[in-house]
Amino acid sequence: MAFVDKVTINFTAGAGGDGRVSFRHEKFIDKGGPDGGDGGDGASIVLKASRNNNTLAAFRHKKEIRAETGQAGDKTRKHGRSAKDLIVSVPIGTVATKTDGTVIADLTMDGQAEVVAKGGRGGFGNAHFVSSRRQAPNFAEKGEPGESLDVNLEIKLIADIGLVGLPNAGKSTLLSKLSNARPEIADYPFTTLTPNLGVVDINETSSVLMADIPGLIEGAAGGKGLGHDFLKHIERTAVILHLIDVYNKDIVKSYKTIRKELKAYKADLTVRPEVIALTKTEGLDEKTIQDIIKQLKKAAPKDTDIYAISAQAGNGLKPLLFTLKAKVDEVRAIPKAKELEVKVPVLKITDTSDAYTVSKEDDRFVITGERIERFGKRTDFENEGGVQRLRDIMRRAGIMHELVRQGIEPGQTVQIGHDESLKFIY
């Protein structure tokens, strides 16, 4: 299956079922009262992280996902069936964002679930509106539409260690020797076209997750080469293992090239703890290796660990792994320590759902506001009883008074929100 790590999908949650207008019709009961049932709620769409998925390829040709609608209410106060939420499985590490960049779900653990599109509530049947003043309501509510929005899904791999380096630095070879991952390996650049993950056993009781990121080149952060699309996978890694081919013509320049790209990325990746490994050193003497390490120490940040290894021969791998594991444990422990130290402030959220605005647009008055727009969507504008109920709600909220203050005249149109179908004559 092809590795797909970014898709855009339209999610449309289920609409609520309509309420029912019904009156009892039973033998020997004259003029029975209203008994219309409520509509069921529409299904929400839920993203759920699953360790059984590792790609978004299933969505490559599926650009729209719709959830089931709720059933309409029935007579004798029968409630319509609510639809079951639609669970959509995605890989661990998937981030869901709106088109404006707002993050609506960040799924970092197996089984974690977040609602990305909420289903509409079912409408009330006419039995719901019985009161001492309204004993035979002849209207019911329509079900609310479900949320509909375009969502960008993007995988950002969650690995302990991210392998970076120029093409042919030996990343795939190292991963294949240390884990059960089987990336493609060859003696030409850009062999690795997709990120590869492998579990590396440190000893009998501990292991780390290592990610092989496709080779970076100069200008990758600006869009050149293959690495640009995969720099994001380094964002979540605890430690960066920077591999450098010991036979590179200018080792220091190669090191600085990758560091420059990591820094130029939108999130400065050079702040990650880094370990350097010189690869393919099996054919060099110790003095030559130490001379190269001295050159790198001058270019690297202070106290950066540098190792000389050979994945093919197995040289120097154990000390490297122990250092990497220690650094990973140190990084992973930081959030837990901070969590104990920092007291989370309690924020009071101001409820603005009742707020509204009245504005005159051309030949009509437009009412906007979260609560009143929800009532508008639930109103059957073909039914005078339903419209009268909406007028009562607007009167209690002070909207009618504001319309009068702004000079509304009988016969003018009142529109709820920006949907031209939600309107009535004042």
Protein backbone atom coordinates (compact mmCIF):
# COMPACT_ATOMS: atom_id res chain seq x y z
CA MET A 1 0.00 0.00 0.00
CA ALA A 2 1.32 3.44 -0.90
CA PHE A 3 2.34 5.76 1.93
CA VAL A 4 -0.02 8.73 1.96
CA ASP A 5 0.49 11.22 4.78
CA LYS A 6 -1.74 14.16 3.82
CA VAL A 7 -5.31 14.34 2.52
CA THR A 8 -8.23 16.79 2.56
CA ILE A 9 -11.71 15.41 3.21
CA ASN A 10 -15.15 16.92 3.58
CA PHE A 11 -16.84 15.56 6.70
CA THR A 12 -20.62 15.96 6.93
CA ALA A 13 -22.26 14.78 10.12
CA GLY A 14 -25.81 13.42 10.09
CA ALA A 15 -28.81 15.74 10.31
CA GLY A 16 -31.29 15.30 13.12
CA GLY A 17 -34.65 13.74 12.32
CA ASP A 18 -37.72 15.97 12.06
CA GLY A 19 -40.28 16.08 14.82
CA ARG A 20 -43.75 14.74 13.99
CA VAL A 21 -47.05 16.61 13.93
CA SER A 22 -49.69 14.12 15.02
CA PHE A 23 -52.91 13.97 17.03
CA ARG A 24 -54.45 10.99 18.75
CA HIS A 25 -57.09 9.19 16.72
CA GLU A 26 -58.52 6.49 18.89
CA LYS A 27 -61.95 4.96 19.12
CA PHE A 28 -64.21 6.60 21.70
CA ILE A 29 -61.70 9.44 22.24
CA ASP A 30 -62.99 12.61 20.65
CA LYS A 31 -60.46 15.26 19.63
CA GLY A 32 -57.42 13.49 21.04
CA GLY A 33 -54.46 15.63 22.04
CA PRO A 34 -51.13 16.04 20.20
CA ASP A 35 -48.88 12.97 20.27
CA GLY A 36 -46.13 13.69 17.72
CA GLY A 37 -42.76 12.25 18.76
CA ASP A 38 -39.29 13.83 18.63
CA GLY A 39 -36.78 13.13 15.89
CA GLY A 40 -33.58 11.23 16.61
CA ASP A 41 -30.14 12.85 16.71
CA GLY A 42 -27.87 12.65 13.68
CA ALA A 43 -24.56 10.77 13.85
CA SER A 44 -21.37 12.62 14.68
CA ILE A 45 -18.11 11.78 12.89
CA VAL A 46 -15.35 10.64 15.22
CA LEU A 47 -11.66 10.23 14.32
CA LYS A 48 -10.03 7.38 16.24
CA ALA A 49 -6.31 6.62 16.30
CA SER A 50 -5.44 3.00 15.56
CA ARG A 51 -2.06 1.29 15.66
CA ASN A 52 -3.32 -0.99 12.89
CA ASN A 53 -3.16 1.90 10.40
CA ASN A 54 0.06 3.48 9.18
CA THR A 55 -1.08 5.49 6.16
CA LEU A 56 -3.96 7.65 4.93
CA ALA A 57 -4.06 5.77 1.62
CA ALA A 58 -7.66 4.67 2.30
CA PHE A 59 -8.73 8.30 1.84
CA ARG A 60 -6.74 8.99 -1.31
CA HIS A 61 -9.78 8.58 -3.56
CA LYS A 62 -12.42 9.28 -0.93
CA LYS A 63 -12.94 13.01 -0.65
CA GLU A 64 -16.24 13.04 1.20
CA ILE A 65 -17.52 11.17 4.26
CA ARG A 66 -21.14 11.46 5.37
CA ALA A 67 -22.69 10.18 8.57
CA GLU A 68 -26.20 8.74 8.97
CA THR A 69 -29.18 10.99 9.70
CA GLY A 70 -31.52 10.53 12.65
CA GLN A 71 -34.97 9.09 12.05
CA ALA A 72 -38.05 11.29 12.14
CA GLY A 73 -40.40 11.11 15.11
CA ASP A 74 -43.65 9.17 14.78
CA LYS A 75 -47.17 9.33 16.16
CA THR A 76 -48.07 8.11 19.66
CA ARG A 77 -45.00 10.00 20.95
CA LYS A 78 -42.59 7.56 19.36
CA HIS A 79 -39.05 8.92 19.35
CA GLY A 80 -37.09 8.54 16.13
CA ARG A 81 -33.96 6.40 16.33
CA SER A 82 -30.73 8.33 16.82
CA ALA A 83 -27.98 7.39 14.38
CA LYS A 84 -24.81 5.72 15.64
CA ASP A 85 -21.69 7.86 15.49
CA LEU A 86 -19.44 7.13 12.53
CA ILE A 87 -15.97 6.03 13.70
CA VAL A 88 -13.19 6.76 11.21
CA SER A 89 -9.89 5.00 11.94
CA VAL A 90 -6.67 6.91 11.24
CA PRO A 91 -2.99 6.27 12.08
CA ILE A 92 -1.53 7.32 15.40
CA GLY A 93 0.08 10.72 14.94
CA THR A 94 -2.70 12.11 12.73
CA VAL A 95 -3.44 15.82 13.11
CA ALA A 96 -6.79 17.16 11.88
CA THR A 97 -7.00 20.87 11.06
CA LYS A 98 -9.59 23.19 9.55
CA THR A 99 -8.75 25.01 6.33
CA ASP A 100 -7.72 28.06 8.39
CA GLY A 101 -5.14 25.98 10.26
CA THR A 102 -7.11 25.52 13.49
CA VAL A 103 -6.26 22.16 15.07
CA ILE A 104 -9.41 20.21 15.93
CA ALA A 105 -7.81 16.84 16.76
CA ASP A 106 -4.29 15.67 17.56
CA LEU A 107 -4.32 11.90 17.95
CA THR A 108 -1.14 10.77 19.66
CA MET A 109 -2.26 7.58 21.43
CA ASP A 110 -3.79 4.32 20.30
CA GLY A 111 -7.55 4.42 20.84
CA GLN A 112 -7.72 8.20 21.30
CA ALA A 113 -10.89 9.60 19.72
CA GLU A 114 -12.09 13.11 18.90
CA VAL A 115 -15.34 14.40 17.36
CA VAL A 116 -14.57 16.39 14.20
CA ALA A 117 -18.14 16.97 12.97
CA LYS A 118 -21.08 17.04 15.39
CA GLY A 119 -24.40 15.53 14.39
CA GLY A 120 -27.54 17.68 14.40
CA ARG A 121 -30.08 17.39 17.18
CA GLY A 122 -33.47 15.91 16.41
CA GLY A 123 -36.47 18.25 16.24
CA PHE A 124 -39.20 18.21 18.86
CA GLY A 125 -42.58 16.78 17.92
CA ASN A 126 -45.77 18.74 18.58
CA ALA A 127 -46.41 16.80 21.81
CA HIS A 128 -43.39 18.65 23.25
CA PHE A 129 -45.07 22.06 22.90
CA VAL A 130 -48.27 21.40 24.84
CA SER A 131 -48.93 24.02 27.50
CA SER A 132 -51.86 25.68 29.25
CA ARG A 133 -51.87 28.39 26.58
CA ARG A 134 -51.10 26.10 23.61
CA GLN A 135 -53.15 22.93 24.04
CA ALA A 136 -53.20 21.79 20.41
CA PRO A 137 -49.90 22.85 18.76
CA ASN A 138 -50.02 22.09 15.05
CA PHE A 139 -46.30 22.44 14.41
CA ALA A 140 -43.09 20.55 15.07
CA GLU A 141 -39.39 21.32 14.77
CA LYS A 142 -37.16 20.30 11.92
CA GLY A 143 -34.01 18.40 12.73
CA GLU A 144 -30.77 20.42 12.83
CA PRO A 145 -28.31 19.90 9.99
CA GLY A 146 -25.07 18.18 10.96
CA GLU A 147 -21.79 20.06 10.86
CA SER A 148 -20.07 20.07 7.49
CA LEU A 149 -16.47 21.12 7.05
CA ASP A 150 -13.32 20.46 5.05
CA VAL A 151 -10.62 18.88 7.20
CA ASN A 152 -6.93 18.42 6.45
CA LEU A 153 -5.60 15.12 7.81
CA GLU A 154 -1.85 14.91 8.16
CA ILE A 155 0.36 12.25 9.70
CA LYS A 156 3.27 13.38 11.84
CA LEU A 157 5.13 10.25 12.87
CA ILE A 158 5.61 9.80 16.61
CA ALA A 159 9.05 8.26 16.98
CA ASP A 160 11.66 8.38 19.73
CA ILE A 161 14.54 8.83 17.30
CA GLY A 162 14.54 10.47 13.88
CA LEU A 163 17.30 9.56 11.43
CA VAL A 164 18.43 12.49 9.28
CA GLY A 165 21.25 13.01 6.81
CA LEU A 166 22.07 13.56 3.18
CA PRO A 167 21.05 10.88 0.64
CA ASN A 168 23.12 7.67 0.98
CA ALA A 169 24.24 8.52 4.51
CA GLY A 170 23.29 4.98 5.57
CA LYS A 171 20.00 5.64 7.36
CA SER A 172 18.08 2.74 5.80
CA THR A 173 20.97 0.35 6.31
CA LEU A 174 21.22 1.26 9.98
CA LEU A 175 17.47 0.88 10.52
CA SER A 176 17.42 -2.50 8.80
CA LYS A 177 20.28 -3.77 10.98
CA LEU A 178 18.80 -2.53 14.25
CA SER A 179 15.13 -3.40 13.72
CA ASN A 180 12.72 -5.57 11.79
CA ALA A 181 12.05 -2.76 9.30
CA ARG A 182 12.95 -3.58 5.71
CA PRO A 183 13.46 -0.30 3.83
CA GLU A 184 14.72 -0.36 0.26
CA ILE A 185 18.53 -0.10 0.15
CA ALA A 186 20.70 0.67 -2.88
CA ASP A 187 23.88 2.54 -3.79
CA TYR A 188 22.12 5.49 -5.42
CA PRO A 189 20.53 8.63 -3.87
CA PHE A 190 16.86 8.84 -2.83
CA THR A 191 16.37 5.10 -2.41
CA THR A 192 14.01 5.88 0.47
CA LEU A 193 10.90 7.59 -0.88
CA THR A 194 8.72 7.25 2.23
CA PRO A 195 9.42 7.32 6.00
CA ASN A 196 10.09 3.94 7.59
CA LEU A 197 9.52 2.98 11.21
CA GLY A 198 11.30 0.28 13.16
CA VAL A 199 11.35 -0.90 16.78
CA VAL A 200 14.92 -1.11 18.07
CA ASP A 201 15.57 -3.31 21.11
CA ILE A 202 18.09 -1.79 23.50
CA ASN A 203 18.06 -4.77 25.88
CA GLU A 204 15.57 -7.40 27.04
CA THR A 205 13.34 -4.87 28.80
CA SER A 206 13.54 -1.66 26.76
CA SER A 207 13.24 -0.49 23.17
CA VAL A 208 12.86 2.70 21.12
CA LEU A 209 10.93 3.57 17.99
CA MET A 210 13.20 4.81 15.20
CA ALA A 211 12.09 6.65 12.04
CA ASP A 212 14.10 6.78 8.82
CA ILE A 213 13.31 10.15 7.19
CA PRO A 214 13.96 10.38 3.41
CA GLY A 215 17.23 12.14 2.54
CA LEU A 216 17.41 15.89 2.82
CA ILE A 217 19.33 18.16 0.48
CA GLU A 218 20.27 21.82 0.57
CA GLY A 219 17.09 23.87 0.18
CA ALA A 220 14.79 21.11 1.48
CA ALA A 221 13.03 23.44 3.92
CA GLY A 222 12.20 25.67 0.96
CA GLY A 223 10.73 22.84 -1.09
CA LYS A 224 13.66 21.21 -2.87
CA GLY A 225 14.22 17.47 -3.02
CA LEU A 226 12.22 14.77 -1.26
CA GLY A 227 12.91 15.74 2.32
CA HIS A 228 10.70 18.85 2.45
CA ASP A 229 7.49 16.83 2.71
CA PHE A 230 8.94 14.71 5.50
CA LEU A 231 10.58 17.31 7.74
CA LYS A 232 7.28 17.43 9.64
CA HIS A 233 7.88 13.87 10.82
CA ILE A 234 10.88 15.07 12.84
CA GLU A 235 8.68 17.50 14.81
CA ARG A 236 7.52 14.81 17.25
CA THR A 237 10.81 12.91 17.64
CA ALA A 238 12.54 13.14 21.00
CA VAL A 239 16.09 12.87 19.64
CA ILE A 240 17.69 13.38 16.24
CA LEU A 241 20.37 10.94 15.08
CA HIS A 242 22.36 12.72 12.40
CA LEU A 243 24.18 10.27 10.11
CA ILE A 244 27.15 11.43 8.02
CA ASP A 245 28.92 9.33 5.40
CA VAL A 246 32.56 9.26 6.47
CA TYR A 247 33.61 9.24 2.80
CA ASN A 248 31.86 12.53 2.10
CA LYS A 249 34.24 15.02 0.47
CA ASP A 250 33.49 17.76 3.00
CA ILE A 251 32.08 16.28 6.20
CA VAL A 252 31.72 19.56 8.07
CA LYS A 253 29.88 21.16 5.13
CA SER A 254 27.55 18.16 4.92
CA TYR A 255 26.78 18.47 8.62
CA LYS A 256 26.10 22.20 8.37
CA THR A 257 23.86 21.71 5.31
CA ILE A 258 21.46 19.45 7.21
CA ARG A 259 21.56 21.66 10.32
CA LYS A 260 20.67 24.67 8.18
CA GLU A 261 17.60 22.88 6.78
CA LEU A 262 16.48 21.74 10.22
CA LYS A 263 16.73 25.32 11.47
CA ALA A 264 14.97 26.80 8.42
CA TYR A 265 11.92 24.60 8.88
CA LYS A 266 8.81 26.35 10.27
CA ALA A 267 9.51 24.78 13.68
CA ASP A 268 13.22 25.12 14.46
CA LEU A 269 14.27 21.47 14.63
CA THR A 270 17.80 22.21 15.81
CA VAL A 271 16.46 22.59 19.35
CA ARG A 272 15.99 18.81 19.45
CA PRO A 273 18.76 16.88 21.25
CA GLU A 274 21.15 15.56 18.61
CA VAL A 275 23.60 12.71 18.36
CA ILE A 276 26.03 12.45 15.41
CA ALA A 277 27.09 9.13 13.92
CA LEU A 278 29.83 8.77 11.30
CA THR A 279 28.81 5.83 9.11
CA LYS A 280 30.74 3.29 7.00
CA THR A 281 33.87 3.58 9.18
CA GLU A 282 34.90 -0.09 8.94
CA GLY A 283 37.63 0.71 6.39
CA LEU A 284 39.31 3.59 8.27
CA ASP A 285 42.00 3.56 10.96
CA GLU A 286 41.36 5.01 14.42
CA LYS A 287 43.54 8.11 13.92
CA THR A 288 41.66 9.17 10.79
CA ILE A 289 38.34 8.71 12.55
CA GLN A 290 39.44 10.77 15.56
CA ASP A 291 40.66 13.58 13.29
CA ILE A 292 37.23 13.73 11.64
CA ILE A 293 35.49 13.73 15.03
CA LYS A 294 37.65 16.69 16.13
CA GLN A 295 36.54 18.64 13.03
CA LEU A 296 32.89 17.90 13.75
CA LYS A 297 33.15 18.89 17.43
CA LYS A 298 34.16 22.39 16.32
CA ALA A 299 31.07 22.67 14.09
CA ALA A 300 28.54 20.98 16.36
CA PRO A 301 26.88 22.46 19.48
CA LYS A 302 28.85 22.05 22.68
CA ASP A 303 28.78 18.59 24.31
CA THR A 304 27.22 16.90 21.24
CA ASP A 305 27.89 13.14 21.34
CA ILE A 306 29.69 11.86 18.23
CA TYR A 307 30.11 8.15 17.41
CA ALA A 308 31.89 6.23 14.66
CA ILE A 309 29.83 3.24 13.52
CA SER A 310 29.52 0.62 10.84
CA ALA A 311 26.05 -0.79 10.37
CA GLN A 312 27.32 -3.54 8.06
CA ALA A 313 30.06 -4.70 10.46
CA GLY A 314 28.08 -3.93 13.61
CA ASN A 315 30.82 -1.69 15.01
CA GLY A 316 29.99 0.96 17.63
CA LEU A 317 26.24 0.29 17.66
CA LYS A 318 25.75 -0.65 21.33
CA PRO A 319 27.32 2.51 22.84
CA LEU A 320 25.33 4.60 20.36
CA LEU A 321 22.05 2.92 21.31
CA PHE A 322 22.64 3.30 25.06
CA THR A 323 23.29 7.03 24.61
CA LEU A 324 20.21 7.45 22.42
CA LYS A 325 18.00 5.62 24.94
CA ALA A 326 19.28 7.78 27.81
CA LYS A 327 18.54 10.97 25.86
CA VAL A 328 15.09 9.75 24.86
CA ASP A 329 14.23 8.93 28.49
CA GLU A 330 15.46 12.36 29.56
CA VAL A 331 13.33 14.17 26.97
CA ARG A 332 10.21 12.10 27.59
CA ALA A 333 10.45 12.80 31.33
CA ILE A 334 10.43 16.60 30.94
CA PRO A 335 6.67 17.07 30.28
CA LYS A 336 5.79 14.93 33.29
CA ALA A 337 8.03 17.01 35.55
CA LYS A 338 6.57 20.27 34.24
CA GLU A 339 3.06 18.93 34.72
CA LEU A 340 3.75 18.45 38.42
CA GLU A 341 5.26 21.92 38.84
CA VAL A 342 2.81 24.09 36.90
CA LYS A 343 -0.61 24.79 38.32
CA VAL A 344 -3.19 25.00 35.59
CA PRO A 345 -5.18 28.25 35.89
CA VAL A 346 -8.95 27.99 35.98
CA LEU A 347 -10.45 30.03 33.16
CA LYS A 348 -14.07 31.17 33.24
CA ILE A 349 -15.62 30.94 29.80
CA THR A 350 -18.19 33.59 29.02
CA ASP A 351 -21.31 32.14 27.41
CA THR A 352 -22.03 34.20 24.27
CA SER A 353 -24.56 31.82 22.71
CA ASP A 354 -27.47 34.20 23.47
CA ALA A 355 -25.77 37.19 21.83
CA TYR A 356 -27.26 38.41 18.55
CA THR A 357 -26.93 41.20 16.01
CA VAL A 358 -29.60 42.86 13.89
CA SER A 359 -28.53 44.49 10.64
CA LYS A 360 -30.41 45.90 7.66
CA GLU A 361 -29.19 44.48 4.36
CA ASP A 362 -30.90 45.78 1.22
CA ASP A 363 -34.62 45.12 1.67
CA ARG A 364 -34.42 42.80 4.68
CA PHE A 365 -33.36 42.63 8.31
CA VAL A 366 -30.80 39.89 9.04
CA ILE A 367 -30.57 38.36 12.54
CA THR A 368 -27.32 36.55 13.41
CA GLY A 369 -26.30 34.81 16.61
CA GLU A 370 -25.55 31.24 17.67
CA ARG A 371 -28.75 30.53 19.60
CA ILE A 372 -31.24 32.29 17.35
CA GLU A 373 -29.71 30.70 14.24
CA ARG A 374 -30.12 27.26 15.79
CA PHE A 375 -33.80 27.99 16.42
CA GLY A 376 -34.10 29.25 12.83
CA LYS A 377 -32.72 26.00 11.42
CA ARG A 378 -35.20 24.02 13.52
CA THR A 379 -38.21 26.08 12.38
CA ASP A 380 -40.55 24.96 9.62
CA PHE A 381 -41.13 28.25 7.82
CA GLU A 382 -44.00 26.70 5.83
CA ASN A 383 -45.95 26.27 9.05
CA GLU A 384 -47.47 29.41 10.58
CA GLY A 385 -47.53 27.83 14.04
CA GLY A 386 -43.79 27.14 13.85
CA VAL A 387 -43.08 30.69 12.68
CA GLN A 388 -45.20 32.10 15.50
CA ARG A 389 -43.14 30.11 18.01
CA LEU A 390 -39.98 31.62 16.51
CA ARG A 391 -41.52 35.10 16.89
CA ASP A 392 -42.22 34.34 20.57
CA ILE A 393 -38.60 33.27 21.09
CA MET A 394 -37.35 36.45 19.39
CA ARG A 395 -39.70 38.56 21.53
CA ARG A 396 -38.41 37.02 24.77
CA ALA A 397 -34.80 37.53 23.61
CA GLY A 398 -35.43 41.22 22.86
CA ILE A 399 -34.88 40.82 19.13
CA MET A 400 -38.34 42.05 18.19
CA HIS A 401 -37.79 45.21 20.24
CA GLU A 402 -34.48 45.79 18.43
CA LEU A 403 -36.19 45.38 15.06
CA VAL A 404 -38.73 48.04 16.01
CA ARG A 405 -35.94 50.30 17.24
CA GLN A 406 -34.22 49.99 13.87
CA GLY A 407 -37.41 51.00 12.07
CA ILE A 408 -38.85 47.76 10.69
CA GLU A 409 -42.22 48.12 8.93
CA PRO A 410 -45.02 45.54 8.51
CA GLY A 411 -44.48 43.51 5.35
CA GLN A 412 -40.68 43.65 5.47
CA THR A 413 -38.62 40.44 5.47
CA VAL A 414 -36.81 39.07 8.52
CA GLN A 415 -34.03 36.57 7.73
CA ILE A 416 -32.31 34.32 10.26
CA GLY A 417 -28.60 34.02 9.55
CA HIS A 418 -27.30 33.97 5.99
CA ASP A 419 -29.54 31.18 4.69
CA GLU A 420 -32.14 32.85 2.49
CA SER A 421 -34.61 30.02 3.06
CA LEU A 422 -34.88 30.94 6.76
CA LYS A 423 -37.13 34.01 6.52
CA PHE A 424 -40.61 35.29 7.30
CA ILE A 425 -42.64 38.45 6.80
CA TYR A 426 -42.79 40.79 9.79
